[in-house]
Amino acid sequence: MRIAIKATQIAPGGGLTHLNKIIQWFGKLAPEIEFVLLGQRGQEDLFVPAPRSFEYRFYKLPSLHLAAQIGWERQILPGILRDLRANLLFEPGNRGTLNSPCPKVTLLHNIAPFDNEYTNHETPYQKLRNSLLRRATIQSMNKSQGIIFLTEFCREYFSGHIDLSNIKSSVIYHGKPEEDSSVDTSIFKRLGIAGQYILSVSDIWRYKKTKEMIQSYLLARQRQAYLPPLIIAGKNHTAKYMNEIMDIIETAKSERNIIFTGFLGQAELGALYANCRAFLFPSVLETFSIILVESMAWGCAVAASNRSVVAEVTGMAALYFNPDDLEDFASKIITIATDERLNLAMREKAAKRARFFSWEKTARETLSFLYEVACVSEFGPSKMPELEKVEY
């Protein structure tokens, strides 16, 4: 069997982490299957070294513009798949070709273009882009023989946009960091951190509720003057929203208490996770959240949004707040950071919950679903061969 994986739209973030992890596990679990990763030039350094059963091919796409990429997917990609004689196309990342010569499985990573609360605040260009993404995603799902959702929440959410009754679907969770994850403690010196701190790991978008988190943190500091500083690790993607945030911080004269790190590598994040007093996750628009699983795996005391997929991921391992209720949010920040008994209990719950997630499990379930879709489409129902056992 030959499976093509379209990765042209993959960028650094949760989608890349997911793809790299399952590539590694696919190579271990199913060495008899041929995999061909289809990327675009410029992505060569994004992916893990190719396992023996993998071939990486990188193509020159006509433009970085979304419409041009969609055109390539629909006009050029089908010919590439025919030349490959692929038995299945796996498209992680929402949109894809509408004319695949073989069965295809789509994996839904991005829910943001479907949310009006998020899109209404964007620039005219971003609104147009989101509209195009939304339409392309729905069209791609309708042309899929199988769809992978990252949570039950997402399957239910997207069922409002597409009839899933005649399309195979499966919910497959992400995994957690490997036990030997390294840390880079030099980050503390670079950031000037000598004591306790509260951590939030997230790129800065409006739906991540970064502004509300900062407002709530400042409110909490008015009531608890010795609250540890807040570190926000992640890239800024929108100047307008960031300016709103900085105005709030500067008005409160709290530049020394709120630290933005920008993008950090996994070893640096590992050091921050491992030593934080509390971890805040206020986002309201997620399909899953590798960040939440990472924070639990590191044993963080988590306080999180009561919206979206969060409760499905964290279960009983988080103290929940309403991210739009600044009073409630501030109260939970104080509680998670200062209540010693609760803090310890939440750390224990987080570590226990994290053990539920595994990249090997993710890869096994994904392979089984891909095989099921490929074989049912081409040969009728068939049982997947036994996957390799992996020694630890």
Protein backbone atom coordinates (compact mmCIF):
# COMPACT_ATOMS: atom_id res chain seq x y z
CA MET A 1 0.00 0.00 0.00
CA ARG A 2 1.20 3.51 -0.80
CA ILE A 3 -0.13 6.45 1.23
CA ALA A 4 0.49 10.04 0.13
CA ILE A 5 0.53 12.70 2.86
CA LYS A 6 -0.11 16.26 1.66
CA ALA A 7 1.86 18.59 3.92
CA THR A 8 2.15 21.73 1.79
CA GLN A 9 0.07 23.80 4.23
CA ILE A 10 1.82 22.64 7.41
CA ALA A 11 3.53 25.41 9.43
CA PRO A 12 5.26 25.46 12.84
CA GLY A 13 2.74 24.81 15.60
CA GLY A 14 0.45 22.03 16.75
CA GLY A 15 -0.13 20.71 13.23
CA LEU A 16 3.59 20.28 12.62
CA THR A 17 4.14 18.63 16.00
CA HIS A 18 1.33 16.18 15.26
CA LEU A 19 2.61 15.32 11.79
CA ASN A 20 6.22 14.85 12.88
CA LYS A 21 5.18 12.56 15.74
CA ILE A 22 2.99 10.31 13.61
CA ILE A 23 5.65 10.16 10.87
CA GLN A 24 8.08 8.75 13.43
CA TRP A 25 5.52 6.25 14.71
CA PHE A 26 4.25 5.25 11.26
CA GLY A 27 7.80 4.27 10.38
CA LYS A 28 8.03 2.06 13.48
CA LEU A 29 4.55 0.56 13.38
CA ALA A 30 4.00 -0.08 9.66
CA PRO A 31 7.34 -0.48 7.84
CA GLU A 32 5.61 -2.44 5.05
CA ILE A 33 3.51 0.58 4.00
CA GLU A 34 5.09 3.09 1.60
CA PHE A 35 4.55 6.72 2.60
CA VAL A 36 5.22 9.72 0.36
CA LEU A 37 5.15 13.15 2.00
CA LEU A 38 4.26 15.94 -0.42
CA GLY A 39 5.58 19.31 0.74
CA GLN A 40 6.50 22.63 -0.81
CA ARG A 41 9.96 24.08 -1.28
CA GLY A 42 11.06 25.91 1.82
CA GLN A 43 9.63 23.24 4.15
CA GLU A 44 12.65 20.94 3.94
CA ASP A 45 13.80 21.71 7.49
CA LEU A 46 10.36 21.42 9.10
CA PHE A 47 10.03 17.67 9.16
CA VAL A 48 11.80 14.92 11.10
CA PRO A 49 14.31 12.77 9.19
CA ALA A 50 12.42 10.42 6.89
CA PRO A 51 12.02 6.85 8.23
CA ARG A 52 12.99 4.04 5.84
CA SER A 53 9.44 3.58 4.60
CA PHE A 54 9.08 7.31 3.81
CA GLU A 55 9.97 9.42 0.80
CA TYR A 56 9.83 13.23 0.98
CA ARG A 57 9.05 15.25 -2.16
CA PHE A 58 9.00 19.05 -2.25
CA TYR A 59 7.27 20.99 -5.00
CA LYS A 60 7.38 24.57 -6.16
CA LEU A 61 3.94 26.04 -5.53
CA PRO A 62 2.81 28.96 -7.73
CA SER A 63 2.48 31.49 -4.89
CA LEU A 64 2.19 31.93 -1.15
CA HIS A 65 -1.29 33.33 -1.77
CA LEU A 66 -4.04 31.05 -0.41
CA ALA A 67 -6.08 31.06 -3.63
CA ALA A 68 -3.02 29.98 -5.64
CA GLN A 69 -2.31 27.14 -3.21
CA ILE A 70 -5.90 25.95 -3.42
CA GLY A 71 -5.60 26.04 -7.21
CA TRP A 72 -2.46 23.86 -7.04
CA GLU A 73 -4.22 21.38 -4.77
CA ARG A 74 -7.15 21.07 -7.15
CA GLN A 75 -5.41 21.19 -10.53
CA ILE A 76 -1.87 19.83 -10.08
CA LEU A 77 -2.06 17.49 -7.08
CA PRO A 78 -4.42 14.93 -8.70
CA GLY A 79 -1.86 14.33 -11.47
CA ILE A 80 0.92 13.84 -8.90
CA LEU A 81 -1.23 11.28 -7.07
CA ARG A 82 -1.93 9.40 -10.31
CA ASP A 83 1.78 9.28 -11.12
CA LEU A 84 2.49 7.97 -7.61
CA ARG A 85 -0.24 5.34 -7.93
CA ALA A 86 -1.23 6.23 -4.38
CA ASN A 87 -3.81 4.01 -2.70
CA LEU A 88 -4.81 6.74 -0.26
CA LEU A 89 -4.34 10.48 0.26
CA PHE A 90 -4.04 11.76 3.83
CA GLU A 91 -4.58 15.53 4.15
CA PRO A 92 -3.91 16.87 7.66
CA GLY A 93 -4.90 20.53 7.70
CA ASN A 94 -8.55 21.19 6.74
CA ARG A 95 -8.53 21.92 3.03
CA GLY A 96 -7.40 19.78 0.11
CA THR A 97 -7.99 18.53 -3.40
CA LEU A 98 -11.50 17.91 -4.70
CA ASN A 99 -10.37 15.57 -7.48
CA SER A 100 -8.30 12.87 -5.80
CA PRO A 101 -7.92 9.74 -7.96
CA CYS A 102 -7.75 7.67 -4.76
CA PRO A 103 -9.72 7.70 -1.49
CA LYS A 104 -8.76 10.53 0.81
CA VAL A 105 -8.86 11.22 4.54
CA THR A 106 -8.99 14.78 5.85
CA LEU A 107 -7.85 15.81 9.32
CA LEU A 108 -9.44 18.99 10.73
CA HIS A 109 -6.92 21.21 12.56
CA ASN A 110 -8.45 24.68 12.38
CA ILE A 111 -11.84 25.79 13.66
CA ALA A 112 -11.16 29.55 13.74
CA PRO A 113 -12.47 30.47 10.24
CA PHE A 114 -15.89 29.13 11.24
CA ASP A 115 -16.31 31.35 14.31
CA ASN A 116 -18.03 34.71 13.78
CA GLU A 117 -16.86 36.16 17.10
CA TYR A 118 -13.27 35.68 15.96
CA THR A 119 -13.65 36.68 12.31
CA ASN A 120 -15.67 39.85 12.99
CA HIS A 121 -12.61 41.51 14.59
CA GLU A 122 -10.24 40.74 11.73
CA THR A 123 -9.02 43.02 8.94
CA PRO A 124 -10.88 42.97 5.59
CA TYR A 125 -8.07 40.89 4.09
CA GLN A 126 -8.18 38.37 6.94
CA LYS A 127 -11.97 38.18 6.71
CA LEU A 128 -11.69 37.38 3.01
CA ARG A 129 -9.02 34.79 3.71
CA ASN A 130 -11.13 33.14 6.44
CA SER A 131 -14.13 33.06 4.13
CA LEU A 132 -12.03 31.31 1.48
CA LEU A 133 -10.66 28.86 4.06
CA ARG A 134 -14.14 28.10 5.36
CA ARG A 135 -15.48 27.38 1.89
CA ALA A 136 -12.44 25.30 0.90
CA THR A 137 -12.67 23.27 4.11
CA ILE A 138 -16.35 22.43 3.62
CA GLN A 139 -15.77 21.48 -0.03
CA SER A 140 -12.80 19.30 0.94
CA MET A 141 -14.76 17.52 3.68
CA ASN A 142 -17.58 16.79 1.25
CA LYS A 143 -15.10 15.12 -1.11
CA SER A 144 -13.50 13.00 1.63
CA GLN A 145 -14.10 9.31 2.25
CA GLY A 146 -12.94 9.72 5.84
CA ILE A 147 -12.51 12.60 8.31
CA ILE A 148 -10.42 12.64 11.48
CA PHE A 149 -11.53 15.00 14.23
CA LEU A 150 -9.28 15.79 17.17
CA THR A 151 -12.12 15.85 19.72
CA GLU A 152 -15.79 14.90 20.03
CA PHE A 153 -16.47 18.63 20.42
CA CYS A 154 -15.07 19.23 16.93
CA ARG A 155 -17.04 16.41 15.35
CA GLU A 156 -20.24 17.85 16.79
CA TYR A 157 -19.23 21.39 15.80
CA PHE A 158 -18.50 20.51 12.18
CA SER A 159 -21.66 18.41 11.91
CA GLY A 160 -23.43 21.77 11.79
CA HIS A 161 -21.59 22.57 8.55
CA ILE A 162 -21.57 19.20 6.76
CA ASP A 163 -23.67 16.04 6.67
CA LEU A 164 -21.45 13.34 8.18
CA SER A 165 -23.97 10.51 7.83
CA ASN A 166 -22.32 9.10 4.69
CA ILE A 167 -18.69 9.89 5.54
CA LYS A 168 -16.58 7.74 7.83
CA SER A 169 -15.24 9.71 10.77
CA SER A 170 -13.12 9.08 13.83
CA VAL A 171 -12.01 11.07 16.87
CA ILE A 172 -8.27 10.64 17.49
CA TYR A 173 -6.55 12.62 20.24
CA HIS A 174 -3.01 13.98 20.10
CA GLY A 175 -0.26 12.54 22.28
CA LYS A 176 1.94 13.93 25.03
CA PRO A 177 5.68 14.74 25.23
CA GLU A 178 8.07 11.81 25.47
CA GLU A 179 9.46 11.03 28.91
CA ASP A 180 12.98 12.10 27.92
CA SER A 181 11.94 15.61 26.85
CA SER A 182 14.91 17.92 27.43
CA VAL A 183 14.90 21.32 29.11
CA ASP A 184 16.95 24.46 28.54
CA THR A 185 17.21 26.25 31.88
CA SER A 186 19.25 29.09 30.36
CA ILE A 187 15.88 30.63 29.49
CA PHE A 188 15.54 31.84 33.08
CA LYS A 189 18.70 33.93 32.86
CA ARG A 190 17.72 35.32 29.46
CA LEU A 191 14.32 36.39 30.78
CA GLY A 192 15.68 37.60 34.12
CA ILE A 193 13.51 35.18 36.13
CA ALA A 194 14.80 34.35 39.59
CA GLY A 195 11.69 33.22 41.49
CA GLN A 196 8.16 31.98 40.99
CA TYR A 197 6.08 32.87 37.94
CA ILE A 198 2.72 32.14 36.33
CA LEU A 199 2.92 30.79 32.78
CA SER A 200 0.74 30.91 29.67
CA VAL A 201 1.91 29.32 26.42
CA SER A 202 0.03 30.54 23.37
CA ASP A 203 0.47 32.50 20.18
CA ILE A 204 -1.31 35.82 20.46
CA TRP A 205 -4.65 35.87 18.68
CA ARG A 206 -7.90 37.47 19.79
CA TYR A 207 -9.61 34.11 20.34
CA LYS A 208 -6.79 33.07 22.68
CA LYS A 209 -8.15 35.70 25.12
CA THR A 210 -4.70 37.11 25.89
CA LYS A 211 -6.13 40.57 26.59
CA GLU A 212 -8.71 39.21 29.04
CA MET A 213 -6.01 37.17 30.75
CA ILE A 214 -3.86 40.26 31.27
CA GLN A 215 -6.81 42.31 32.51
CA SER A 216 -7.71 39.54 34.96
CA TYR A 217 -4.11 39.16 36.09
CA LEU A 218 -3.86 42.90 36.78
CA LEU A 219 -7.12 42.74 38.72
CA ALA A 220 -5.75 39.80 40.71
CA ARG A 221 -2.57 41.75 41.52
CA GLN A 222 -4.67 44.56 42.96
CA ARG A 223 -6.00 42.04 45.46
CA GLN A 224 -2.84 39.98 45.91
CA ALA A 225 0.14 42.31 45.58
CA TYR A 226 2.73 39.51 45.82
CA LEU A 227 1.32 37.49 42.94
CA PRO A 228 4.20 36.09 40.81
CA PRO A 229 4.89 37.70 37.42
CA LEU A 230 3.06 36.44 34.33
CA ILE A 231 5.10 34.99 31.45
CA ILE A 232 3.42 34.69 28.05
CA ALA A 233 5.31 32.44 25.62
CA GLY A 234 4.26 32.67 21.99
CA LYS A 235 4.38 34.67 18.76
CA ASN A 236 2.30 37.75 18.09
CA HIS A 237 0.26 37.51 14.88
CA THR A 238 -1.74 40.74 14.87
CA ALA A 239 -0.36 44.23 15.51
CA LYS A 240 -3.75 45.80 16.24
CA TYR A 241 -4.60 43.32 18.99
CA MET A 242 -1.09 43.51 20.45
CA ASN A 243 -1.34 47.30 20.61
CA GLU A 244 -4.57 46.98 22.60
CA ILE A 245 -2.77 44.66 25.02
CA MET A 246 0.27 46.91 25.42
CA ASP A 247 -1.95 49.93 26.09
CA ILE A 248 -3.50 48.06 29.03
CA ILE A 249 -0.10 47.02 30.42
CA GLU A 250 1.42 50.49 30.06
CA THR A 251 -1.61 52.19 31.62
CA ALA A 252 -1.25 49.87 34.62
CA LYS A 253 2.54 50.46 34.68
CA SER A 254 3.03 46.69 34.83
CA GLU A 255 5.70 46.17 32.18
CA ARG A 256 7.96 44.44 34.74
CA ASN A 257 5.23 42.04 35.87
CA ILE A 258 4.15 40.77 32.44
CA ILE A 259 6.83 39.25 30.21
CA PHE A 260 6.39 38.33 26.53
CA THR A 261 8.99 35.83 25.32
CA GLY A 262 8.08 35.48 21.66
CA PHE A 263 8.56 32.09 20.02
CA LEU A 264 10.44 29.51 22.12
CA GLY A 265 11.77 26.05 21.33
CA GLN A 266 10.52 22.91 23.07
CA ALA A 267 13.50 22.67 25.43
CA GLU A 268 12.95 26.25 26.59
CA LEU A 269 9.23 25.64 27.00
CA GLY A 270 10.00 22.47 28.93
CA ALA A 271 11.99 24.46 31.48
CA LEU A 272 9.15 26.97 31.85
CA TYR A 273 6.49 24.26 32.20
CA ALA A 274 8.51 22.33 34.76
CA ASN A 275 9.04 25.26 37.11
CA CYS A 276 5.89 27.40 36.86
CA ARG A 277 3.72 28.08 39.88
CA ALA A 278 0.55 27.88 37.78
CA PHE A 279 -0.42 27.54 34.13
CA LEU A 280 -3.19 29.62 32.51
CA PHE A 281 -5.08 28.59 29.35
CA PRO A 282 -7.88 31.06 28.49
CA SER A 283 -8.48 30.16 24.81
CA VAL A 284 -12.06 29.74 23.60
CA LEU A 285 -11.47 28.31 20.12
CA GLU A 286 -9.47 25.09 19.80
CA THR A 287 -9.77 21.80 17.95
CA PHE A 288 -7.59 20.11 20.59
CA SER A 289 -4.60 21.64 22.36
CA ILE A 290 -1.17 20.08 22.45
CA ILE A 291 -0.20 22.89 24.82
CA LEU A 292 -2.73 21.71 27.41
CA VAL A 293 -1.42 18.14 27.21
CA GLU A 294 2.16 19.39 27.48
CA SER A 295 1.35 21.46 30.56
CA MET A 296 -0.33 18.47 32.24
CA ALA A 297 2.51 16.14 31.29
CA TRP A 298 4.95 18.51 33.03
CA GLY A 299 2.75 18.44 36.15
CA CYS A 300 1.55 22.05 35.99
CA ALA A 301 -1.28 23.32 38.16
CA VAL A 302 -3.69 24.28 35.37
CA ALA A 303 -6.42 26.93 35.38
CA ALA A 304 -8.31 26.90 32.09
CA SER A 305 -11.20 28.27 30.08
CA ASN A 306 -14.56 26.58 30.51
CA ARG A 307 -15.22 26.89 26.76
CA SER A 308 -14.57 24.91 23.60
CA VAL A 309 -12.70 21.58 23.84
CA VAL A 310 -10.83 22.35 27.06
CA ALA A 311 -12.86 20.21 29.48
CA GLU A 312 -12.72 17.25 27.06
CA VAL A 313 -8.93 17.44 27.08
CA THR A 314 -8.23 18.23 30.75
CA GLY A 315 -11.14 16.48 32.45
CA MET A 316 -10.86 16.97 36.22
CA ALA A 317 -7.27 18.21 35.92
CA ALA A 318 -8.00 21.94 35.65
CA LEU A 319 -9.56 24.73 37.67
CA TYR A 320 -12.08 26.26 35.28
CA PHE A 321 -13.00 29.92 34.78
CA ASN A 322 -15.13 32.01 32.42
CA PRO A 323 -12.55 33.88 30.29
CA ASP A 324 -15.02 36.70 29.62
CA ASP A 325 -15.79 37.23 33.32
CA LEU A 326 -12.76 39.13 34.62
CA GLU A 327 -13.86 38.77 38.25
CA ASP A 328 -14.11 35.00 37.96
CA PHE A 329 -10.87 34.78 35.99
CA ALA A 330 -8.97 36.92 38.53
CA SER A 331 -10.34 34.90 41.43
CA LYS A 332 -9.16 31.62 39.85
CA ILE A 333 -5.69 33.07 39.18
CA ILE A 334 -5.34 33.95 42.87
CA THR A 335 -6.66 30.56 43.96
CA ILE A 336 -4.46 28.42 41.71
CA ALA A 337 -1.35 30.47 42.57
CA THR A 338 -1.80 30.86 46.34
CA ASP A 339 -3.79 27.88 47.65
CA GLU A 340 -1.00 25.42 48.46
CA ARG A 341 -3.20 22.37 48.96
CA LEU A 342 -5.21 22.98 45.79
CA ASN A 343 -2.08 23.71 43.78
CA LEU A 344 -0.54 20.38 44.77
CA ALA A 345 -3.78 18.49 44.10
CA MET A 346 -4.10 19.99 40.63
CA ARG A 347 -0.51 19.04 39.81
CA GLU A 348 -1.21 15.43 40.74
CA LYS A 349 -4.43 15.39 38.70
CA ALA A 350 -2.63 16.90 35.71
CA ALA A 351 0.13 14.29 35.69
CA LYS A 352 -2.46 11.51 35.96
CA ARG A 353 -4.62 12.90 33.16
CA ALA A 354 -1.61 13.33 30.85
CA ARG A 355 -0.94 9.58 30.99
CA PHE A 356 -4.14 9.06 29.00
CA PHE A 357 -2.50 10.59 25.92
CA SER A 358 0.16 8.86 23.80
CA TRP A 359 1.64 9.54 20.37
CA GLU A 360 1.93 5.81 19.77
CA LYS A 361 -1.80 5.49 20.46
CA THR A 362 -2.47 8.42 18.12
CA ALA A 363 -0.43 6.80 15.35
CA ARG A 364 -1.99 3.34 15.80
CA GLU A 365 -5.52 4.72 15.67
CA THR A 366 -4.68 6.91 12.67
CA LEU A 367 -3.12 4.03 10.74
CA SER A 368 -6.10 1.80 11.45
CA PHE A 369 -8.51 4.46 10.20
CA LEU A 370 -6.46 5.18 7.06
CA TYR A 371 -6.30 1.47 6.27
CA GLU A 372 -10.02 1.06 6.88
CA VAL A 373 -10.93 3.91 4.51
CA ALA A 374 -8.49 2.74 1.81
CA CYS A 375 -9.60 -0.88 1.87
CA VAL A 376 -13.34 -0.29 2.18
CA SER A 377 -13.19 2.13 -0.75
CA GLU A 378 -11.16 -0.19 -2.98
CA PHE A 379 -11.72 -3.78 -1.87
CA GLY A 380 -14.61 -3.76 0.60
CA PRO A 381 -14.32 -4.31 4.39
CA SER A 382 -10.95 -5.68 5.41
CA LYS A 383 -9.11 -6.05 8.69
CA MET A 384 -5.86 -4.17 9.12
CA PRO A 385 -2.76 -6.38 9.44
CA GLU A 386 -1.13 -6.59 12.85
CA LEU A 387 1.00 -3.50 13.52
CA GLU A 388 4.55 -3.84 14.77
CA LYS A 389 5.17 -4.03 18.51
CA VAL A 390 7.60 -1.38 19.73
CA GLU A 391 10.13 -2.21 22.44
CA TYR A 392 10.94 0.49 25.00
